[in-house]
Amino acid sequence: MVNWRKKFTCNNQKVTMMAQAVLQIASKLVWIEASSKMLSSDDRCLYFNENLIALFHVDYGLIIGPGETVHNYTKPLHEDFDMVVGEVDCYLDLQVQRFNDCMKINQTAYVKRVLASYHMTDAKPISLPIEPGWIPGNSPPATDIDTYREIIGSLAYLTLWTRPDLAYAVNIASRAQYSPTEAHLKLIERIIRYLKGTINDGK
């Protein structure tokens, strides 16, 4: 993984948050320009050739390839960027574990944050994220729709990467994010309880 930052200088040390954001955007544009000279892609965040895959997100990069190839690719970029290069152990909340014959990717730290955010750290685990044939029934409307949508977003992020086992239950819950009922709140509570019991699961 590469953690990079363009070597900009600024005489005023009281840089505002807006200025920092502008510098960050400028950094990424320069990085992409440098990358595009060596790799080709239709996606502004993903570059690749027959030997290398380079993925960029804000101020992090993930470069995959043989060690010497990665070294040759990053070497000229050290002139313009402050870079820390090493084996990836966490990237965009994806945690990587290496074993003798395989790798495992999970989002354990992210799941722990989700549990803590919604005060479910001590929740009782459950074996299934949704009951077979679940329907909301005649349940009264939920009162806190914003929190419901926020939780749906947190759970959906998990389904994109390492937790396809949540996909069906989260899909059912997300259909009601504009008009959830108390039954839907119970459903997402159940999904989170399921997460508590499968916190280390992944691919």
N, C-alpha and C. Protein backbone atom coordinates (compact mmCIF):
# COMPACT_ATOMS: atom_id res chain seq x y z
N MET A 1 0.84 -1.19 0.00
CA MET A 1 0.00 0.00 0.00
C MET A 1 0.88 1.24 0.00
N VAL A 2 0.41 2.28 -0.64
CA VAL A 2 1.14 3.54 -0.72
C VAL A 2 0.31 4.64 -0.08
N ASN A 3 0.88 5.32 0.90
CA ASN A 3 0.25 6.50 1.47
C ASN A 3 1.05 7.68 0.94
N TRP A 4 0.43 8.53 0.13
CA TRP A 4 1.18 9.55 -0.58
C TRP A 4 0.63 10.93 -0.30
N ARG A 5 1.48 11.90 -0.51
CA ARG A 5 1.08 13.30 -0.38
C ARG A 5 2.03 14.13 -1.24
N LYS A 6 1.49 14.93 -2.11
CA LYS A 6 2.31 15.77 -2.97
C LYS A 6 3.12 16.74 -2.12
N LYS A 7 4.38 16.98 -2.53
CA LYS A 7 5.26 17.85 -1.76
C LYS A 7 5.00 19.32 -2.10
N PHE A 8 3.92 19.86 -1.56
CA PHE A 8 3.63 21.27 -1.72
C PHE A 8 4.25 22.07 -0.58
N THR A 9 4.56 23.32 -0.83
CA THR A 9 5.06 24.21 0.22
C THR A 9 4.09 25.36 0.38
N CYS A 10 4.02 25.88 1.58
CA CYS A 10 3.09 26.97 1.86
C CYS A 10 3.72 27.88 2.91
N ASN A 11 3.79 29.17 2.62
CA ASN A 11 4.41 30.11 3.55
C ASN A 11 3.53 30.37 4.76
N ASN A 12 2.23 30.32 4.58
CA ASN A 12 1.29 30.55 5.67
C ASN A 12 1.01 29.22 6.37
N GLN A 13 1.43 29.09 7.62
CA GLN A 13 1.27 27.83 8.33
C GLN A 13 -0.17 27.62 8.77
N LYS A 14 -0.96 28.68 8.80
CA LYS A 14 -2.36 28.55 9.20
C LYS A 14 -3.21 28.21 7.97
N VAL A 15 -3.00 27.00 7.47
CA VAL A 15 -3.72 26.57 6.28
C VAL A 15 -5.13 26.16 6.69
N THR A 16 -6.11 26.71 6.04
CA THR A 16 -7.49 26.39 6.38
C THR A 16 -7.86 25.00 5.87
N MET A 17 -8.97 24.47 6.40
CA MET A 17 -9.43 23.16 5.95
C MET A 17 -9.75 23.17 4.46
N MET A 18 -10.27 24.29 3.97
CA MET A 18 -10.59 24.37 2.54
C MET A 18 -9.31 24.30 1.71
N ALA A 19 -8.28 25.01 2.15
CA ALA A 19 -7.02 24.99 1.43
C ALA A 19 -6.42 23.59 1.44
N GLN A 20 -6.55 22.90 2.56
CA GLN A 20 -6.04 21.53 2.64
C GLN A 20 -6.76 20.64 1.66
N ALA A 21 -8.07 20.84 1.54
CA ALA A 21 -8.85 20.03 0.60
C ALA A 21 -8.41 20.28 -0.83
N VAL A 22 -8.15 21.57 -1.15
CA VAL A 22 -7.68 21.91 -2.50
C VAL A 22 -6.34 21.26 -2.78
N LEU A 23 -5.43 21.30 -1.79
CA LEU A 23 -4.13 20.68 -1.97
C LEU A 23 -4.27 19.17 -2.16
N GLN A 24 -5.19 18.57 -1.45
CA GLN A 24 -5.39 17.13 -1.56
C GLN A 24 -5.87 16.76 -2.96
N ILE A 25 -6.81 17.55 -3.48
CA ILE A 25 -7.31 17.30 -4.83
C ILE A 25 -6.20 17.49 -5.84
N ALA A 26 -5.43 18.56 -5.67
CA ALA A 26 -4.31 18.81 -6.58
C ALA A 26 -3.30 17.67 -6.53
N SER A 27 -3.07 17.15 -5.34
CA SER A 27 -2.14 16.04 -5.18
C SER A 27 -2.59 14.84 -5.99
N LYS A 28 -3.87 14.53 -5.90
CA LYS A 28 -4.37 13.37 -6.61
C LYS A 28 -4.27 13.55 -8.12
N LEU A 29 -4.57 14.76 -8.60
CA LEU A 29 -4.50 15.01 -10.04
C LEU A 29 -3.07 14.83 -10.57
N VAL A 30 -2.11 15.31 -9.80
CA VAL A 30 -0.71 15.15 -10.21
C VAL A 30 -0.32 13.68 -10.19
N TRP A 31 -0.76 12.96 -9.15
CA TRP A 31 -0.47 11.53 -9.04
C TRP A 31 -1.04 10.78 -10.24
N ILE A 32 -2.29 11.07 -10.59
CA ILE A 32 -2.93 10.38 -11.70
C ILE A 32 -2.23 10.70 -13.01
N GLU A 33 -1.82 11.95 -13.17
CA GLU A 33 -1.10 12.33 -14.39
C GLU A 33 0.19 11.53 -14.51
N ALA A 34 0.91 11.41 -13.39
CA ALA A 34 2.15 10.64 -13.39
C ALA A 34 1.87 9.17 -13.69
N SER A 35 0.80 8.64 -13.13
CA SER A 35 0.47 7.24 -13.33
C SER A 35 0.06 6.95 -14.76
N SER A 36 -0.67 7.88 -15.36
CA SER A 36 -1.19 7.64 -16.69
C SER A 36 -0.10 7.56 -17.74
N LYS A 37 1.08 8.05 -17.40
CA LYS A 37 2.20 7.95 -18.34
C LYS A 37 2.75 6.53 -18.40
N MET A 38 2.43 5.74 -17.37
CA MET A 38 2.99 4.40 -17.31
C MET A 38 1.94 3.31 -17.44
N LEU A 39 0.71 3.62 -17.11
CA LEU A 39 -0.35 2.63 -17.15
C LEU A 39 -1.52 3.16 -17.96
N SER A 40 -2.45 2.28 -18.29
CA SER A 40 -3.59 2.72 -19.09
C SER A 40 -4.89 2.23 -18.46
N SER A 41 -5.92 3.10 -18.46
CA SER A 41 -7.20 2.72 -17.89
C SER A 41 -8.27 3.72 -18.32
N ASP A 42 -9.51 3.25 -18.38
CA ASP A 42 -10.63 4.13 -18.64
C ASP A 42 -11.20 4.69 -17.34
N ASP A 43 -10.72 4.20 -16.23
CA ASP A 43 -11.18 4.61 -14.91
C ASP A 43 -10.11 5.49 -14.27
N ARG A 44 -10.49 6.68 -13.81
CA ARG A 44 -9.53 7.62 -13.24
C ARG A 44 -8.97 7.17 -11.89
N CYS A 45 -9.52 6.10 -11.32
CA CYS A 45 -9.01 5.60 -10.04
C CYS A 45 -8.26 4.29 -10.20
N LEU A 46 -8.33 3.67 -11.36
CA LEU A 46 -7.72 2.36 -11.59
C LEU A 46 -6.86 2.39 -12.83
N TYR A 47 -5.60 1.95 -12.67
CA TYR A 47 -4.67 1.87 -13.78
C TYR A 47 -4.03 0.50 -13.79
N PHE A 48 -3.76 -0.02 -14.96
CA PHE A 48 -3.21 -1.37 -15.01
C PHE A 48 -2.48 -1.60 -16.33
N ASN A 49 -1.58 -2.55 -16.30
CA ASN A 49 -1.00 -3.12 -17.51
C ASN A 49 -0.84 -4.62 -17.26
N GLU A 50 -0.06 -5.29 -18.08
CA GLU A 50 0.04 -6.74 -17.95
C GLU A 50 0.77 -7.18 -16.67
N ASN A 51 1.48 -6.28 -16.01
CA ASN A 51 2.26 -6.65 -14.83
C ASN A 51 1.83 -5.97 -13.54
N LEU A 52 0.96 -4.99 -13.65
CA LEU A 52 0.71 -4.14 -12.47
C LEU A 52 -0.73 -3.66 -12.43
N ILE A 53 -1.28 -3.57 -11.22
CA ILE A 53 -2.58 -2.94 -10.99
C ILE A 53 -2.37 -1.84 -9.96
N ALA A 54 -2.83 -0.64 -10.26
CA ALA A 54 -2.70 0.49 -9.34
C ALA A 54 -4.07 1.11 -9.10
N LEU A 55 -4.49 1.15 -7.84
CA LEU A 55 -5.80 1.68 -7.46
C LEU A 55 -5.60 2.86 -6.52
N PHE A 56 -6.28 3.98 -6.77
CA PHE A 56 -6.11 5.18 -5.97
C PHE A 56 -7.43 5.64 -5.38
N HIS A 57 -7.38 6.09 -4.13
CA HIS A 57 -8.55 6.67 -3.48
C HIS A 57 -8.08 7.76 -2.53
N VAL A 58 -8.43 9.01 -2.84
CA VAL A 58 -8.03 10.19 -2.07
C VAL A 58 -6.51 10.17 -1.90
N ASP A 59 -5.99 9.97 -0.67
CA ASP A 59 -4.54 10.01 -0.51
C ASP A 59 -3.95 8.63 -0.21
N TYR A 60 -4.63 7.58 -0.66
CA TYR A 60 -4.10 6.23 -0.52
C TYR A 60 -4.05 5.56 -1.88
N GLY A 61 -3.04 4.72 -2.06
CA GLY A 61 -2.93 3.95 -3.28
C GLY A 61 -2.66 2.49 -2.96
N LEU A 62 -3.19 1.61 -3.78
CA LEU A 62 -2.94 0.19 -3.63
C LEU A 62 -2.33 -0.29 -4.94
N ILE A 63 -1.09 -0.77 -4.86
CA ILE A 63 -0.36 -1.22 -6.04
C ILE A 63 -0.10 -2.71 -5.91
N ILE A 64 -0.53 -3.46 -6.90
CA ILE A 64 -0.42 -4.92 -6.85
C ILE A 64 0.44 -5.39 -8.01
N GLY A 65 1.45 -6.19 -7.69
CA GLY A 65 2.30 -6.73 -8.73
C GLY A 65 3.55 -7.33 -8.12
N PRO A 66 4.43 -7.90 -8.94
CA PRO A 66 5.70 -8.42 -8.44
C PRO A 66 6.52 -7.33 -7.77
N GLY A 67 7.28 -7.70 -6.73
CA GLY A 67 8.01 -6.72 -5.93
C GLY A 67 8.88 -5.79 -6.74
N GLU A 68 9.64 -6.32 -7.68
CA GLU A 68 10.55 -5.49 -8.48
C GLU A 68 9.77 -4.54 -9.38
N THR A 69 8.65 -5.02 -9.92
CA THR A 69 7.82 -4.17 -10.78
C THR A 69 7.23 -3.01 -9.99
N VAL A 70 6.75 -3.30 -8.77
CA VAL A 70 6.21 -2.24 -7.91
C VAL A 70 7.30 -1.22 -7.58
N HIS A 71 8.49 -1.71 -7.28
CA HIS A 71 9.62 -0.82 -6.95
C HIS A 71 9.93 0.10 -8.13
N ASN A 72 10.00 -0.46 -9.33
CA ASN A 72 10.33 0.34 -10.51
C ASN A 72 9.24 1.36 -10.81
N TYR A 73 7.99 1.01 -10.50
CA TYR A 73 6.88 1.92 -10.75
C TYR A 73 6.87 3.09 -9.78
N THR A 74 7.16 2.82 -8.52
CA THR A 74 7.08 3.87 -7.50
C THR A 74 8.35 4.71 -7.41
N LYS A 75 9.46 4.19 -7.88
CA LYS A 75 10.74 4.90 -7.74
C LYS A 75 10.71 6.31 -8.30
N PRO A 76 10.27 6.55 -9.55
CA PRO A 76 10.27 7.93 -10.06
C PRO A 76 9.26 8.84 -9.36
N LEU A 77 8.22 8.24 -8.74
CA LEU A 77 7.22 9.05 -8.08
C LEU A 77 7.69 9.58 -6.73
N HIS A 78 8.75 8.97 -6.17
CA HIS A 78 9.29 9.44 -4.90
C HIS A 78 9.83 10.87 -5.02
N GLU A 79 10.16 11.29 -6.23
CA GLU A 79 10.69 12.64 -6.43
C GLU A 79 9.63 13.71 -6.13
N ASP A 80 8.38 13.38 -6.38
CA ASP A 80 7.30 14.36 -6.22
C ASP A 80 6.38 14.09 -5.04
N PHE A 81 6.47 12.89 -4.48
CA PHE A 81 5.53 12.53 -3.43
C PHE A 81 6.24 12.00 -2.21
N ASP A 82 5.67 12.32 -1.04
CA ASP A 82 6.08 11.65 0.20
C ASP A 82 5.35 10.32 0.24
N MET A 83 6.08 9.24 0.14
CA MET A 83 5.44 7.93 0.00
C MET A 83 5.97 6.96 1.04
N VAL A 84 5.06 6.17 1.58
CA VAL A 84 5.40 5.06 2.45
C VAL A 84 4.93 3.80 1.73
N VAL A 85 5.85 2.93 1.38
CA VAL A 85 5.52 1.74 0.60
C VAL A 85 5.72 0.50 1.46
N GLY A 86 4.75 -0.38 1.45
CA GLY A 86 4.88 -1.62 2.21
C GLY A 86 3.73 -2.55 1.90
N GLU A 87 3.77 -3.75 2.46
CA GLU A 87 2.69 -4.70 2.24
C GLU A 87 1.41 -4.18 2.86
N VAL A 88 0.32 -4.36 2.16
CA VAL A 88 -0.97 -3.86 2.64
C VAL A 88 -1.49 -4.73 3.77
N ASP A 89 -1.94 -4.08 4.84
CA ASP A 89 -2.65 -4.81 5.90
C ASP A 89 -4.05 -4.23 6.12
N CYS A 90 -4.28 -3.01 5.62
CA CYS A 90 -5.60 -2.41 5.71
C CYS A 90 -5.73 -1.37 4.61
N TYR A 91 -6.82 -1.42 3.86
CA TYR A 91 -7.05 -0.46 2.79
C TYR A 91 -8.55 -0.19 2.70
N LEU A 92 -8.95 1.06 2.92
CA LEU A 92 -10.35 1.45 2.88
C LEU A 92 -11.22 0.54 3.75
N ASP A 93 -10.74 0.30 4.96
CA ASP A 93 -11.44 -0.53 5.94
C ASP A 93 -11.43 -2.02 5.59
N LEU A 94 -10.66 -2.41 4.58
CA LEU A 94 -10.50 -3.82 4.26
C LEU A 94 -9.22 -4.30 4.93
N GLN A 95 -9.35 -5.23 5.84
CA GLN A 95 -8.20 -5.77 6.56
C GLN A 95 -7.73 -7.05 5.88
N VAL A 96 -6.42 -7.14 5.68
CA VAL A 96 -5.84 -8.27 4.96
C VAL A 96 -5.03 -9.12 5.92
N GLN A 97 -5.34 -10.41 5.96
CA GLN A 97 -4.58 -11.37 6.75
C GLN A 97 -3.92 -12.37 5.80
N ARG A 98 -2.64 -12.63 6.04
CA ARG A 98 -1.90 -13.55 5.18
C ARG A 98 -1.63 -14.87 5.89
N PHE A 99 -1.84 -15.95 5.15
CA PHE A 99 -1.55 -17.28 5.64
C PHE A 99 -0.59 -17.95 4.66
N ASN A 100 -0.17 -19.14 4.97
CA ASN A 100 0.83 -19.82 4.13
C ASN A 100 0.35 -20.00 2.69
N ASP A 101 -0.91 -20.34 2.52
CA ASP A 101 -1.39 -20.66 1.18
C ASP A 101 -2.58 -19.81 0.72
N CYS A 102 -2.89 -18.77 1.48
CA CYS A 102 -4.04 -17.95 1.09
C CYS A 102 -4.02 -16.61 1.81
N MET A 103 -4.96 -15.76 1.44
CA MET A 103 -5.17 -14.48 2.11
C MET A 103 -6.63 -14.38 2.48
N LYS A 104 -6.92 -13.68 3.56
CA LYS A 104 -8.29 -13.44 3.98
C LYS A 104 -8.51 -11.94 4.12
N ILE A 105 -9.64 -11.48 3.62
CA ILE A 105 -10.00 -10.06 3.72
C ILE A 105 -11.28 -9.94 4.53
N ASN A 106 -11.24 -9.13 5.56
CA ASN A 106 -12.44 -8.88 6.35
C ASN A 106 -12.54 -7.39 6.70
N GLN A 107 -13.61 -7.03 7.37
CA GLN A 107 -13.82 -5.64 7.79
C GLN A 107 -14.15 -5.60 9.28
N THR A 108 -13.40 -6.36 10.05
CA THR A 108 -13.66 -6.49 11.48
C THR A 108 -13.66 -5.14 12.19
N ALA A 109 -12.65 -4.32 11.92
CA ALA A 109 -12.56 -3.01 12.59
C ALA A 109 -13.76 -2.14 12.24
N TYR A 110 -14.18 -2.18 10.98
CA TYR A 110 -15.34 -1.40 10.54
C TYR A 110 -16.60 -1.89 11.24
N VAL A 111 -16.77 -3.22 11.32
CA VAL A 111 -17.95 -3.78 12.00
C VAL A 111 -17.98 -3.34 13.46
N LYS A 112 -16.83 -3.34 14.11
CA LYS A 112 -16.77 -2.90 15.51
C LYS A 112 -17.21 -1.46 15.64
N ARG A 113 -16.83 -0.61 14.69
CA ARG A 113 -17.25 0.79 14.73
C ARG A 113 -18.76 0.92 14.53
N VAL A 114 -19.30 0.10 13.63
CA VAL A 114 -20.74 0.12 13.41
C VAL A 114 -21.47 -0.28 14.69
N LEU A 115 -21.00 -1.35 15.33
CA LEU A 115 -21.63 -1.80 16.58
C LEU A 115 -21.58 -0.70 17.65
N ALA A 116 -20.42 -0.06 17.75
CA ALA A 116 -20.27 0.99 18.77
C ALA A 116 -21.14 2.21 18.44
N SER A 117 -21.22 2.55 17.15
CA SER A 117 -21.97 3.75 16.75
C SER A 117 -23.44 3.65 17.13
N TYR A 118 -23.96 2.42 17.08
CA TYR A 118 -25.39 2.25 17.34
C TYR A 118 -25.64 1.52 18.65
N HIS A 119 -24.64 1.60 19.53
CA HIS A 119 -24.77 1.08 20.90
C HIS A 119 -25.16 -0.40 20.92
N MET A 120 -24.53 -1.19 20.04
CA MET A 120 -24.85 -2.61 19.93
C MET A 120 -23.63 -3.48 20.23
N THR A 121 -22.62 -2.90 20.85
CA THR A 121 -21.40 -3.65 21.15
C THR A 121 -21.68 -4.86 22.03
N ASP A 122 -22.62 -4.73 22.94
CA ASP A 122 -22.94 -5.83 23.85
C ASP A 122 -24.20 -6.59 23.43
N ALA A 123 -24.58 -6.43 22.17
CA ALA A 123 -25.80 -7.09 21.69
C ALA A 123 -25.64 -8.61 21.69
N LYS A 124 -26.74 -9.31 21.87
CA LYS A 124 -26.74 -10.76 21.85
C LYS A 124 -26.69 -11.24 20.40
N PRO A 125 -25.68 -12.04 20.02
CA PRO A 125 -25.56 -12.51 18.63
C PRO A 125 -26.76 -13.36 18.22
N ILE A 126 -27.00 -13.41 16.93
CA ILE A 126 -28.09 -14.21 16.36
C ILE A 126 -27.56 -14.91 15.12
N SER A 127 -28.15 -16.05 14.76
CA SER A 127 -27.56 -16.91 13.74
C SER A 127 -27.92 -16.55 12.30
N LEU A 128 -29.01 -15.80 12.09
CA LEU A 128 -29.43 -15.42 10.75
C LEU A 128 -29.73 -13.92 10.70
N PRO A 129 -29.39 -13.25 9.61
CA PRO A 129 -29.64 -11.81 9.54
C PRO A 129 -31.12 -11.47 9.32
N ILE A 130 -31.88 -12.42 8.81
CA ILE A 130 -33.30 -12.18 8.55
C ILE A 130 -34.04 -13.51 8.66
N GLU A 131 -35.25 -13.46 9.17
CA GLU A 131 -36.05 -14.68 9.27
C GLU A 131 -36.56 -15.08 7.88
N PRO A 132 -36.58 -16.37 7.57
CA PRO A 132 -37.15 -16.81 6.28
C PRO A 132 -38.59 -16.34 6.13
N GLY A 133 -38.89 -15.77 4.97
CA GLY A 133 -40.24 -15.30 4.70
C GLY A 133 -40.64 -14.05 5.46
N TRP A 134 -39.66 -13.28 5.91
CA TRP A 134 -39.95 -12.10 6.72
C TRP A 134 -40.82 -11.10 5.95
N ILE A 135 -41.84 -10.56 6.61
CA ILE A 135 -42.64 -9.46 6.08
C ILE A 135 -42.86 -8.45 7.21
N PRO A 136 -42.99 -7.17 6.88
CA PRO A 136 -43.12 -6.15 7.94
C PRO A 136 -44.46 -6.18 8.65
N GLY A 137 -45.51 -6.66 7.96
CA GLY A 137 -46.82 -6.67 8.59
C GLY A 137 -47.36 -5.27 8.80
N ASN A 138 -48.36 -5.15 9.64
CA ASN A 138 -48.97 -3.84 9.95
C ASN A 138 -48.26 -3.23 11.15
N SER A 139 -47.14 -2.61 10.87
CA SER A 139 -46.32 -2.02 11.92
C SER A 139 -46.38 -0.50 11.82
N PRO A 140 -46.38 0.22 12.95
CA PRO A 140 -46.43 1.69 12.90
C PRO A 140 -45.16 2.28 12.28
N PRO A 141 -45.25 3.47 11.73
CA PRO A 141 -44.09 4.11 11.10
C PRO A 141 -42.97 4.35 12.10
N ALA A 142 -41.75 4.23 11.62
CA ALA A 142 -40.58 4.55 12.46
C ALA A 142 -40.48 6.07 12.62
N THR A 143 -39.93 6.49 13.74
CA THR A 143 -39.85 7.93 14.02
C THR A 143 -38.51 8.53 13.59
N ASP A 144 -37.44 7.74 13.61
CA ASP A 144 -36.11 8.27 13.29
C ASP A 144 -35.65 7.73 11.94
N ILE A 145 -36.16 8.33 10.87
CA ILE A 145 -35.86 7.86 9.52
C ILE A 145 -34.40 8.12 9.16
N ASP A 146 -33.84 9.25 9.61
CA ASP A 146 -32.46 9.59 9.27
C ASP A 146 -31.48 8.54 9.80
N THR A 147 -31.67 8.12 11.03
CA THR A 147 -30.80 7.09 11.60
C THR A 147 -30.96 5.78 10.85
N TYR A 148 -32.17 5.45 10.48
CA TYR A 148 -32.43 4.23 9.72
C TYR A 148 -31.63 4.24 8.42
N ARG A 149 -31.69 5.35 7.70
CA ARG A 149 -30.96 5.46 6.43
C ARG A 149 -29.44 5.37 6.66
N GLU A 150 -29.00 5.98 7.73
CA GLU A 150 -27.57 5.95 8.05
C GLU A 150 -27.10 4.52 8.29
N ILE A 151 -27.89 3.76 9.03
CA ILE A 151 -27.52 2.37 9.30
C ILE A 151 -27.52 1.55 8.01
N ILE A 152 -28.52 1.78 7.17
CA ILE A 152 -28.59 1.07 5.89
C ILE A 152 -27.32 1.33 5.07
N GLY A 153 -26.87 2.58 5.07
CA GLY A 153 -25.64 2.92 4.34
C GLY A 153 -24.43 2.19 4.89
N SER A 154 -24.33 2.11 6.21
CA SER A 154 -23.21 1.41 6.85
C SER A 154 -23.22 -0.08 6.51
N LEU A 155 -24.40 -0.67 6.51
CA LEU A 155 -24.52 -2.10 6.21
C LEU A 155 -24.29 -2.37 4.73
N ALA A 156 -24.77 -1.47 3.88
CA ALA A 156 -24.59 -1.65 2.43
C ALA A 156 -23.11 -1.65 2.05
N TYR A 157 -22.32 -0.82 2.74
CA TYR A 157 -20.88 -0.78 2.46
C TYR A 157 -20.24 -2.15 2.71
N LEU A 158 -20.70 -2.85 3.74
CA LEU A 158 -20.18 -4.18 4.02
C LEU A 158 -20.53 -5.16 2.91
N THR A 159 -21.74 -5.06 2.37
CA THR A 159 -22.16 -6.02 1.34
C THR A 159 -21.37 -5.84 0.05
N LEU A 160 -20.85 -4.65 -0.17
CA LEU A 160 -20.09 -4.40 -1.41
C LEU A 160 -18.76 -5.13 -1.44
N TRP A 161 -18.18 -5.37 -0.24
CA TRP A 161 -16.80 -5.84 -0.21
C TRP A 161 -16.65 -7.25 0.35
N THR A 162 -17.02 -7.45 1.58
CA THR A 162 -16.66 -8.71 2.24
C THR A 162 -17.84 -9.50 2.80
N ARG A 163 -19.05 -8.94 2.77
CA ARG A 163 -20.16 -9.59 3.45
C ARG A 163 -21.37 -9.80 2.53
N PRO A 164 -21.22 -10.64 1.51
CA PRO A 164 -22.38 -10.94 0.65
C PRO A 164 -23.50 -11.66 1.40
N ASP A 165 -23.16 -12.25 2.55
CA ASP A 165 -24.18 -12.93 3.35
C ASP A 165 -25.23 -11.96 3.90
N LEU A 166 -24.90 -10.66 3.89
CA LEU A 166 -25.85 -9.65 4.37
C LEU A 166 -26.72 -9.09 3.26
N ALA A 167 -26.37 -9.40 2.01
CA ALA A 167 -26.95 -8.69 0.87
C ALA A 167 -28.48 -8.77 0.83
N TYR A 168 -29.02 -9.96 1.02
CA TYR A 168 -30.47 -10.11 0.91
C TYR A 168 -31.19 -9.31 2.01
N ALA A 169 -30.76 -9.47 3.24
CA ALA A 169 -31.40 -8.79 4.35
C ALA A 169 -31.28 -7.27 4.21
N VAL A 170 -30.11 -6.78 3.83
CA VAL A 170 -29.91 -5.34 3.67
C VAL A 170 -30.75 -4.81 2.51
N ASN A 171 -30.86 -5.60 1.44
CA ASN A 171 -31.68 -5.19 0.30
C ASN A 171 -33.14 -5.03 0.72
N ILE A 172 -33.64 -5.99 1.50
CA ILE A 172 -35.02 -5.90 1.98
C ILE A 172 -35.21 -4.65 2.84
N ALA A 173 -34.26 -4.41 3.74
CA ALA A 173 -34.35 -3.25 4.63
C ALA A 173 -34.25 -1.93 3.85
N SER A 174 -33.42 -1.91 2.82
CA SER A 174 -33.19 -0.66 2.08
C SER A 174 -34.40 -0.26 1.24
N ARG A 175 -35.27 -1.19 0.93
CA ARG A 175 -36.46 -0.85 0.15
C ARG A 175 -37.38 0.10 0.91
N ALA A 176 -37.25 0.14 2.21
CA ALA A 176 -38.15 0.95 3.03
C ALA A 176 -37.46 2.17 3.62
N GLN A 177 -36.31 2.57 3.05
CA GLN A 177 -35.56 3.64 3.71
C GLN A 177 -36.27 5.00 3.64
N TYR A 178 -37.28 5.15 2.79
CA TYR A 178 -38.04 6.40 2.76
C TYR A 178 -39.29 6.34 3.62
N SER A 179 -39.69 5.14 4.00
CA SER A 179 -40.88 5.01 4.85
C SER A 179 -40.77 3.76 5.73
N PRO A 180 -39.72 3.68 6.54
CA PRO A 180 -39.55 2.50 7.40
C PRO A 180 -40.59 2.43 8.51
N THR A 181 -40.83 1.23 8.95
CA THR A 181 -41.74 1.02 10.07
C THR A 181 -40.94 0.49 11.26
N GLU A 182 -41.61 0.33 12.38
CA GLU A 182 -40.95 -0.24 13.55
C GLU A 182 -40.45 -1.65 13.26
N ALA A 183 -41.16 -2.36 12.39
CA ALA A 183 -40.72 -3.71 12.01
C ALA A 183 -39.39 -3.66 11.26
N HIS A 184 -39.21 -2.63 10.45
CA HIS A 184 -37.95 -2.49 9.72
C HIS A 184 -36.80 -2.14 10.68
N LEU A 185 -37.11 -1.35 11.70
CA LEU A 185 -36.09 -1.06 12.72
C LEU A 185 -35.66 -2.33 13.43
N LYS A 186 -36.63 -3.21 13.70
CA LYS A 186 -36.31 -4.49 14.32
C LYS A 186 -35.45 -5.34 13.39
N LEU A 187 -35.72 -5.22 12.09
CA LEU A 187 -34.94 -5.99 11.11
C LEU A 187 -33.48 -5.55 11.10
N ILE A 188 -33.23 -4.25 11.05
CA ILE A 188 -31.83 -3.83 11.03
C ILE A 188 -31.14 -4.09 12.36
N GLU A 189 -31.92 -4.07 13.45
CA GLU A 189 -31.34 -4.45 14.73
C GLU A 189 -30.92 -5.92 14.68
N ARG A 190 -31.74 -6.75 14.04
CA ARG A 190 -31.41 -8.16 13.91
C ARG A 190 -30.14 -8.34 13.06
N ILE A 191 -30.05 -7.58 11.96
CA ILE A 191 -28.87 -7.67 11.10
C ILE A 191 -27.61 -7.33 11.89
N ILE A 192 -27.69 -6.29 12.71
CA ILE A 192 -26.53 -5.88 13.51
C ILE A 192 -26.20 -6.95 14.55
N ARG A 193 -27.21 -7.57 15.12
CA ARG A 193 -26.95 -8.67 16.06
C ARG A 193 -26.27 -9.84 15.35
N TYR A 194 -26.65 -10.08 14.11
CA TYR A 194 -25.99 -11.11 13.31
C TYR A 194 -24.53 -10.74 13.08
N LEU A 195 -24.29 -9.46 12.80
CA LEU A 195 -22.92 -8.98 12.63
C LEU A 195 -22.08 -9.24 13.88
N LYS A 196 -22.69 -9.02 15.03
CA LYS A 196 -21.96 -9.22 16.29
C LYS A 196 -21.43 -10.66 16.39
N GLY A 197 -22.22 -11.62 15.92
CA GLY A 197 -21.80 -13.02 16.00
C GLY A 197 -20.90 -13.47 14.87
N THR A 198 -20.75 -12.64 13.85
CA THR A 198 -19.92 -13.00 12.68
C THR A 198 -18.89 -11.92 12.40
N ILE A 199 -18.42 -11.28 13.44
CA ILE A 199 -17.61 -10.07 13.32
C ILE A 199 -16.33 -10.27 12.53
N ASN A 200 -15.80 -11.49 12.54
CA ASN A 200 -14.52 -11.75 11.85
C ASN A 200 -14.71 -12.40 10.48
N ASP A 201 -15.95 -12.57 10.04
CA ASP A 201 -16.18 -13.19 8.75
C ASP A 201 -15.69 -12.29 7.62
N GLY A 202 -15.37 -12.92 6.50
CA GLY A 202 -14.91 -12.19 5.32
C GLY A 202 -14.71 -13.15 4.18
N LYS A 203 -13.84 -12.77 3.27
CA LYS A 203 -13.57 -13.59 2.09
C LYS A 203 -12.20 -14.23 2.18
